[in-house]
N, C-alpha and C. Protein backbone atom coordinates (compact mmCIF):
# COMPACT_ATOMS: atom_id res chain seq x y z
N MET A 1 86.49 81.83 136.51
CA MET A 1 85.25 81.51 135.83
C MET A 1 84.66 82.75 135.18
N ARG A 2 84.69 83.84 135.91
CA ARG A 2 84.13 85.09 135.40
C ARG A 2 84.89 85.54 134.15
N LEU A 3 86.20 85.35 134.17
CA LEU A 3 87.04 85.72 133.03
C LEU A 3 86.67 84.90 131.79
N VAL A 4 86.40 83.63 131.97
CA VAL A 4 86.01 82.76 130.86
C VAL A 4 84.70 83.24 130.25
N ILE A 5 83.75 83.63 131.08
CA ILE A 5 82.46 84.13 130.59
C ILE A 5 82.65 85.42 129.81
N VAL A 6 83.45 86.33 130.34
CA VAL A 6 83.69 87.61 129.67
C VAL A 6 84.36 87.38 128.31
N ILE A 7 85.36 86.52 128.28
CA ILE A 7 86.05 86.23 127.02
C ILE A 7 85.10 85.58 126.02
N SER A 8 84.28 84.65 126.49
CA SER A 8 83.30 83.99 125.61
C SER A 8 82.32 84.99 125.02
N LEU A 9 81.82 85.89 125.85
CA LEU A 9 80.89 86.91 125.36
C LEU A 9 81.55 87.83 124.34
N PHE A 10 82.80 88.18 124.58
CA PHE A 10 83.53 89.03 123.65
C PHE A 10 83.69 88.34 122.30
N VAL A 11 84.08 87.07 122.31
CA VAL A 11 84.27 86.31 121.07
C VAL A 11 82.95 86.18 120.32
N LEU A 12 81.88 85.84 121.02
CA LEU A 12 80.57 85.71 120.37
C LEU A 12 80.11 87.04 119.79
N GLY A 13 80.31 88.12 120.53
CA GLY A 13 79.94 89.44 120.03
C GLY A 13 80.72 89.82 118.79
N SER A 14 82.00 89.48 118.77
CA SER A 14 82.83 89.76 117.59
C SER A 14 82.33 88.99 116.38
N LEU A 15 81.91 87.76 116.58
CA LEU A 15 81.39 86.96 115.47
C LEU A 15 80.13 87.57 114.89
N PHE A 16 79.23 88.04 115.76
CA PHE A 16 77.99 88.65 115.27
C PHE A 16 78.27 89.94 114.52
N ILE A 17 79.20 90.73 115.01
CA ILE A 17 79.53 91.99 114.34
C ILE A 17 80.13 91.72 112.97
N SER A 18 81.06 90.78 112.87
CA SER A 18 81.69 90.51 111.59
C SER A 18 80.71 89.90 110.60
N CYS A 19 79.77 89.10 111.06
CA CYS A 19 78.79 88.49 110.16
C CYS A 19 77.84 89.53 109.59
N ASP A 20 77.60 90.60 110.32
CA ASP A 20 76.66 91.62 109.90
C ASP A 20 77.14 92.36 108.66
N GLU A 21 78.45 92.50 108.47
CA GLU A 21 78.99 93.25 107.34
C GLU A 21 78.94 92.47 106.04
N ASN A 22 79.12 91.18 106.10
CA ASN A 22 79.24 90.37 104.89
C ASN A 22 77.90 90.17 104.22
N THR A 23 77.94 90.04 102.91
CA THR A 23 76.76 89.80 102.10
C THR A 23 76.95 88.47 101.39
N SER A 24 75.93 87.63 101.43
CA SER A 24 76.06 86.33 100.78
C SER A 24 75.90 86.48 99.27
N ASN A 25 76.41 85.51 98.52
CA ASN A 25 76.32 85.55 97.05
C ASN A 25 74.88 85.66 96.57
N SER A 26 73.94 85.06 97.30
CA SER A 26 72.55 85.11 96.87
C SER A 26 71.96 86.51 96.94
N ASP A 27 72.60 87.41 97.71
CA ASP A 27 72.13 88.79 97.82
C ASP A 27 72.80 89.72 96.81
N ILE A 28 73.72 89.20 96.02
CA ILE A 28 74.44 90.01 95.04
C ILE A 28 73.70 89.91 93.71
N PRO A 29 73.40 91.06 93.07
CA PRO A 29 72.73 91.02 91.76
C PRO A 29 73.55 90.22 90.74
N SER A 30 72.86 89.50 89.88
CA SER A 30 73.55 88.65 88.90
C SER A 30 74.46 89.46 87.98
N VAL A 31 74.07 90.68 87.66
CA VAL A 31 74.91 91.51 86.78
C VAL A 31 76.25 91.84 87.46
N VAL A 32 76.23 92.00 88.78
CA VAL A 32 77.46 92.25 89.54
C VAL A 32 78.33 90.99 89.56
N LEU A 33 77.70 89.85 89.82
CA LEU A 33 78.44 88.59 89.81
C LEU A 33 79.02 88.29 88.43
N ASN A 34 78.26 88.58 87.38
CA ASN A 34 78.75 88.35 86.01
C ASN A 34 79.99 89.18 85.72
N THR A 35 79.96 90.46 86.11
CA THR A 35 81.12 91.34 85.91
C THR A 35 82.33 90.78 86.65
N PHE A 36 82.11 90.41 87.89
CA PHE A 36 83.21 89.86 88.70
C PHE A 36 83.80 88.61 88.04
N ASN A 37 82.94 87.70 87.62
CA ASN A 37 83.41 86.45 87.01
C ASN A 37 84.10 86.66 85.67
N LEU A 38 83.69 87.69 84.92
CA LEU A 38 84.35 88.00 83.65
C LEU A 38 85.72 88.64 83.85
N GLU A 39 85.82 89.50 84.85
CA GLU A 39 87.06 90.26 85.08
C GLU A 39 88.15 89.46 85.80
N PHE A 40 87.74 88.58 86.69
CA PHE A 40 88.71 87.92 87.56
C PHE A 40 88.56 86.40 87.47
N LYS A 41 89.65 85.72 87.22
CA LYS A 41 89.66 84.26 87.05
C LYS A 41 90.45 83.60 88.18
N GLN A 42 90.15 82.36 88.44
CA GLN A 42 90.85 81.54 89.43
C GLN A 42 90.92 82.21 90.79
N VAL A 43 89.77 82.68 91.27
CA VAL A 43 89.71 83.40 92.54
C VAL A 43 89.43 82.43 93.69
N GLU A 44 89.89 82.82 94.87
CA GLU A 44 89.66 82.05 96.09
C GLU A 44 89.30 83.01 97.21
N ASP A 45 88.76 82.46 98.29
CA ASP A 45 88.45 83.23 99.51
C ASP A 45 87.66 84.50 99.20
N ILE A 46 86.54 84.36 98.56
CA ILE A 46 85.71 85.49 98.14
C ILE A 46 84.84 85.97 99.30
N SER A 47 84.82 87.29 99.51
CA SER A 47 84.00 87.88 100.56
C SER A 47 83.36 89.16 100.02
N TRP A 48 82.02 89.23 100.03
CA TRP A 48 81.28 90.37 99.51
C TRP A 48 80.79 91.26 100.65
N LYS A 49 80.79 92.58 100.40
CA LYS A 49 80.22 93.56 101.34
C LYS A 49 79.47 94.61 100.54
N ARG A 50 78.35 95.03 101.06
CA ARG A 50 77.58 96.11 100.43
C ARG A 50 78.15 97.43 100.93
N ARG A 51 78.46 98.34 100.02
CA ARG A 51 78.98 99.67 100.35
C ARG A 51 78.08 100.71 99.70
N GLY A 52 76.99 101.05 100.35
CA GLY A 52 76.03 102.00 99.78
C GLY A 52 75.42 101.42 98.52
N GLU A 53 75.65 102.08 97.40
CA GLU A 53 75.12 101.63 96.10
C GLU A 53 76.04 100.63 95.40
N HIS A 54 77.18 100.35 96.01
CA HIS A 54 78.19 99.49 95.39
C HIS A 54 78.38 98.20 96.17
N TYR A 55 79.07 97.27 95.51
CA TYR A 55 79.43 96.01 96.14
C TYR A 55 80.95 95.88 96.12
N GLU A 56 81.52 95.66 97.30
CA GLU A 56 82.96 95.46 97.39
C GLU A 56 83.22 93.97 97.58
N VAL A 57 84.15 93.46 96.82
CA VAL A 57 84.51 92.05 96.94
C VAL A 57 86.00 91.95 97.23
N GLU A 58 86.33 91.18 98.24
CA GLU A 58 87.72 90.89 98.56
C GLU A 58 87.98 89.43 98.20
N PHE A 59 89.13 89.16 97.61
CA PHE A 59 89.42 87.81 97.14
C PHE A 59 90.92 87.65 96.94
N GLU A 60 91.31 86.43 96.65
CA GLU A 60 92.72 86.13 96.38
C GLU A 60 92.85 85.47 95.02
N ILE A 61 93.93 85.81 94.35
CA ILE A 61 94.33 85.11 93.13
C ILE A 61 95.79 84.72 93.35
N GLU A 62 96.05 83.43 93.32
CA GLU A 62 97.40 82.90 93.56
C GLU A 62 98.01 83.48 94.84
N ASP A 63 97.24 83.47 95.91
CA ASP A 63 97.65 83.93 97.24
C ASP A 63 97.97 85.42 97.31
N VAL A 64 97.49 86.20 96.37
CA VAL A 64 97.68 87.65 96.38
C VAL A 64 96.32 88.29 96.65
N ASP A 65 96.27 89.20 97.64
CA ASP A 65 95.03 89.87 98.00
C ASP A 65 94.60 90.86 96.93
N HIS A 66 93.31 90.84 96.64
CA HIS A 66 92.68 91.76 95.69
C HIS A 66 91.39 92.29 96.30
N SER A 67 90.96 93.46 95.85
CA SER A 67 89.64 94.01 96.19
C SER A 67 89.11 94.70 94.95
N ALA A 68 87.79 94.65 94.78
CA ALA A 68 87.16 95.33 93.65
C ALA A 68 85.88 95.98 94.12
N LEU A 69 85.52 97.07 93.47
CA LEU A 69 84.28 97.78 93.75
C LEU A 69 83.46 97.79 92.46
N ILE A 70 82.26 97.23 92.53
CA ILE A 70 81.38 97.10 91.37
C ILE A 70 80.05 97.74 91.71
N ASN A 71 79.52 98.57 90.80
CA ASN A 71 78.24 99.20 91.10
C ASN A 71 77.08 98.25 90.83
N ALA A 72 75.88 98.65 91.23
CA ALA A 72 74.70 97.79 91.13
C ALA A 72 74.33 97.48 89.68
N ALA A 73 74.80 98.31 88.74
CA ALA A 73 74.54 98.07 87.32
C ALA A 73 75.57 97.12 86.71
N GLY A 74 76.56 96.71 87.50
CA GLY A 74 77.56 95.76 87.02
C GLY A 74 78.81 96.39 86.45
N LYS A 75 79.00 97.70 86.65
CA LYS A 75 80.21 98.36 86.15
C LYS A 75 81.32 98.24 87.19
N LEU A 76 82.49 97.79 86.73
CA LEU A 76 83.66 97.73 87.59
C LEU A 76 84.16 99.16 87.81
N ILE A 77 84.05 99.65 89.03
CA ILE A 77 84.47 101.02 89.35
C ILE A 77 85.99 101.09 89.50
N LYS A 78 86.52 100.19 90.32
CA LYS A 78 87.97 100.16 90.54
C LYS A 78 88.33 98.84 91.20
N TYR A 79 89.60 98.51 91.11
CA TYR A 79 90.10 97.34 91.84
C TYR A 79 91.55 97.58 92.24
N LYS A 80 91.97 96.82 93.24
CA LYS A 80 93.36 96.92 93.68
C LYS A 80 93.91 95.53 93.90
N LYS A 81 95.24 95.47 93.80
CA LYS A 81 95.97 94.21 93.96
C LYS A 81 97.19 94.50 94.82
N GLU A 82 97.39 93.70 95.84
CA GLU A 82 98.56 93.89 96.69
C GLU A 82 99.82 93.55 95.89
N ILE A 83 100.83 94.40 96.03
CA ILE A 83 102.09 94.19 95.32
C ILE A 83 103.26 94.29 96.30
N GLU A 84 104.40 93.89 95.83
CA GLU A 84 105.64 93.97 96.61
C GLU A 84 106.43 95.20 96.15
N ILE A 85 107.38 95.60 96.96
CA ILE A 85 108.19 96.78 96.63
C ILE A 85 108.92 96.59 95.30
N ARG A 86 109.30 95.36 94.98
CA ARG A 86 110.00 95.08 93.71
C ARG A 86 109.10 95.29 92.49
N ASP A 87 107.78 95.35 92.72
CA ASP A 87 106.83 95.56 91.62
C ASP A 87 106.60 97.03 91.30
N LEU A 88 107.12 97.93 92.15
CA LEU A 88 106.94 99.36 91.93
C LEU A 88 107.84 99.85 90.80
N PRO A 89 107.32 100.73 89.95
CA PRO A 89 108.21 101.38 88.98
C PRO A 89 109.28 102.19 89.72
N GLN A 90 110.46 102.28 89.16
CA GLN A 90 111.56 102.98 89.81
C GLN A 90 111.21 104.44 90.11
N GLU A 91 110.43 105.06 89.22
CA GLU A 91 110.04 106.46 89.43
C GLU A 91 109.17 106.61 90.68
N VAL A 92 108.29 105.66 90.91
CA VAL A 92 107.43 105.70 92.10
C VAL A 92 108.27 105.49 93.35
N LEU A 93 109.15 104.52 93.31
CA LEU A 93 110.01 104.24 94.45
C LEU A 93 110.88 105.45 94.79
N ALA A 94 111.40 106.12 93.77
CA ALA A 94 112.22 107.31 94.00
C ALA A 94 111.39 108.42 94.64
N SER A 95 110.16 108.59 94.21
CA SER A 95 109.28 109.62 94.79
C SER A 95 108.96 109.33 96.24
N ILE A 96 108.72 108.07 96.55
CA ILE A 96 108.43 107.68 97.94
C ILE A 96 109.65 107.96 98.81
N ARG A 97 110.80 107.58 98.33
CA ARG A 97 112.03 107.77 99.12
C ARG A 97 112.36 109.25 99.29
N SER A 98 112.09 110.06 98.27
CA SER A 98 112.39 111.49 98.40
C SER A 98 111.44 112.17 99.38
N ALA A 99 110.24 111.63 99.54
CA ALA A 99 109.30 112.18 100.52
C ALA A 99 109.80 111.89 101.93
N GLY A 100 110.52 110.78 102.11
CA GLY A 100 111.14 110.46 103.39
C GLY A 100 110.18 110.44 104.56
N SER A 101 108.96 110.01 104.34
CA SER A 101 107.92 110.10 105.36
C SER A 101 107.98 109.01 106.42
N GLY A 102 108.59 107.91 106.14
CA GLY A 102 108.61 106.80 107.09
C GLY A 102 108.77 105.48 106.37
N LYS A 103 108.50 104.42 107.08
CA LYS A 103 108.65 103.07 106.55
C LYS A 103 107.48 102.74 105.62
N ILE A 104 107.79 102.10 104.50
CA ILE A 104 106.75 101.71 103.55
C ILE A 104 105.97 100.54 104.13
N GLY A 105 104.64 100.69 104.15
CA GLY A 105 103.75 99.64 104.63
C GLY A 105 103.17 98.88 103.45
N GLU A 106 101.85 98.85 103.38
CA GLU A 106 101.19 98.13 102.28
C GLU A 106 101.32 98.88 100.96
N LEU A 107 101.45 98.10 99.89
CA LEU A 107 101.53 98.64 98.53
C LEU A 107 100.46 97.97 97.69
N HIS A 108 99.80 98.78 96.85
CA HIS A 108 98.77 98.22 95.95
C HIS A 108 98.87 98.85 94.57
N LEU A 109 98.61 98.04 93.58
CA LEU A 109 98.34 98.54 92.24
C LEU A 109 96.85 98.83 92.23
N LEU A 110 96.48 100.06 91.93
CA LEU A 110 95.08 100.49 91.90
C LEU A 110 94.73 100.80 90.45
N VAL A 111 93.64 100.23 89.96
CA VAL A 111 93.21 100.47 88.58
C VAL A 111 91.81 101.08 88.61
N ILE A 112 91.71 102.28 88.02
CA ILE A 112 90.43 102.98 87.90
C ILE A 112 90.25 103.33 86.43
N GLU A 113 89.21 102.78 85.81
CA GLU A 113 88.93 103.01 84.39
C GLU A 113 90.17 102.79 83.52
N ASN A 114 90.82 101.67 83.71
CA ASN A 114 92.01 101.26 82.95
C ASN A 114 93.24 102.13 83.17
N LYS A 115 93.19 103.03 84.15
CA LYS A 115 94.35 103.86 84.47
C LYS A 115 95.01 103.30 85.73
N LYS A 116 96.32 103.10 85.66
CA LYS A 116 97.05 102.50 86.78
C LYS A 116 97.59 103.56 87.73
N TYR A 117 97.43 103.27 89.01
CA TYR A 117 97.99 104.08 90.08
C TYR A 117 98.68 103.13 91.06
N TYR A 118 99.56 103.69 91.85
CA TYR A 118 100.22 102.91 92.90
C TYR A 118 99.90 103.59 94.22
N GLN A 119 99.20 102.87 95.09
CA GLN A 119 98.87 103.46 96.39
C GLN A 119 99.78 102.86 97.45
N VAL A 120 100.26 103.75 98.32
CA VAL A 120 101.29 103.40 99.28
C VAL A 120 100.84 103.82 100.68
N GLU A 121 100.98 102.90 101.61
CA GLU A 121 100.75 103.21 103.01
C GLU A 121 102.11 103.43 103.64
N ILE A 122 102.28 104.58 104.30
CA ILE A 122 103.53 104.90 104.98
C ILE A 122 103.28 104.76 106.48
N ASP A 123 104.03 103.86 107.10
CA ASP A 123 103.87 103.63 108.54
C ASP A 123 104.58 104.75 109.29
N GLY A 124 103.80 105.57 109.98
CA GLY A 124 104.35 106.64 110.79
C GLY A 124 104.44 106.24 112.25
N ARG A 125 105.05 107.08 113.05
CA ARG A 125 105.17 106.77 114.48
C ARG A 125 103.81 106.76 115.17
N LEU A 126 103.02 107.78 114.92
CA LEU A 126 101.71 107.86 115.57
C LEU A 126 100.57 107.48 114.64
N THR A 127 100.66 107.91 113.41
CA THR A 127 99.60 107.60 112.45
C THR A 127 100.22 107.22 111.11
N ASP A 128 99.47 106.49 110.33
CA ASP A 128 99.91 106.14 108.99
C ASP A 128 99.47 107.22 108.01
N SER A 129 100.20 107.37 106.94
CA SER A 129 99.79 108.29 105.88
C SER A 129 99.66 107.50 104.59
N TYR A 130 98.95 108.07 103.65
CA TYR A 130 98.64 107.37 102.41
C TYR A 130 98.98 108.26 101.22
N MET A 131 99.62 107.67 100.22
CA MET A 131 100.00 108.41 99.02
C MET A 131 99.61 107.60 97.80
N ILE A 132 99.29 108.32 96.72
CA ILE A 132 98.96 107.67 95.45
C ILE A 132 99.81 108.30 94.37
N PHE A 133 100.39 107.44 93.51
CA PHE A 133 101.30 107.89 92.46
C PHE A 133 100.88 107.36 91.10
N LEU A 134 101.21 108.13 90.09
CA LEU A 134 101.14 107.64 88.72
C LEU A 134 102.39 106.81 88.45
N GLU A 135 102.39 106.07 87.36
CA GLU A 135 103.54 105.25 87.00
C GLU A 135 104.80 106.12 86.81
N SER A 136 104.60 107.39 86.45
CA SER A 136 105.71 108.31 86.24
C SER A 136 106.37 108.77 87.54
N GLY A 137 105.74 108.45 88.69
CA GLY A 137 106.27 108.88 89.97
C GLY A 137 105.61 110.13 90.50
N GLU A 138 104.74 110.74 89.70
CA GLU A 138 104.04 111.95 90.13
C GLU A 138 102.97 111.59 91.16
N GLU A 139 102.97 112.32 92.29
CA GLU A 139 101.95 112.07 93.31
C GLU A 139 100.62 112.65 92.85
N VAL A 140 99.56 111.91 93.10
CA VAL A 140 98.21 112.31 92.69
C VAL A 140 97.41 112.64 93.94
N GLU A 141 96.79 113.81 93.95
CA GLU A 141 96.02 114.24 95.12
C GLU A 141 94.52 114.02 94.96
N ASN A 142 94.04 113.90 93.72
CA ASN A 142 92.59 113.85 93.48
C ASN A 142 92.02 112.44 93.39
N VAL A 143 92.80 111.42 93.72
CA VAL A 143 92.32 110.04 93.73
C VAL A 143 92.23 109.60 95.19
N ILE A 144 91.10 109.03 95.56
CA ILE A 144 90.88 108.61 96.94
C ILE A 144 91.50 107.24 97.17
N TYR A 145 92.22 107.13 98.27
CA TYR A 145 92.87 105.87 98.66
C TYR A 145 91.79 104.81 98.84
N PHE A 146 91.97 103.67 98.21
CA PHE A 146 91.01 102.56 98.28
C PHE A 146 91.42 101.65 99.43
N GLU A 147 90.69 101.74 100.54
CA GLU A 147 91.01 100.96 101.75
C GLU A 147 90.83 99.49 101.52
């Protein structure tokens, strides 16, 4: 009986914590919603979160995970789209393999101001590492990995 109570409290606590992060559509400025609706079509499973001065939206298009960051003025800062290894340019794949860091985890196409990057999660034994590449295969150090 005690175990059931502990598990119930844990589940309820988890629900309250997860609800605290999400922002409802009514709390999103119309200019932000307009930008989102203009940029992305046929979206499903939309979830908004406030990130300081920005709004992050996670969503799916044709069962593919996407995320976007839009500022309060309605400017699209960046977005990412989950991709498969077959979607990587050969130069990027060659650079990842030459680094030999570990198993390839999540892959995303990252777009910042119309410039394409490929962000790669490398599954390590103890910790994961993150790399970002240009289409040419050159690793980029000055772009922050978009979680």
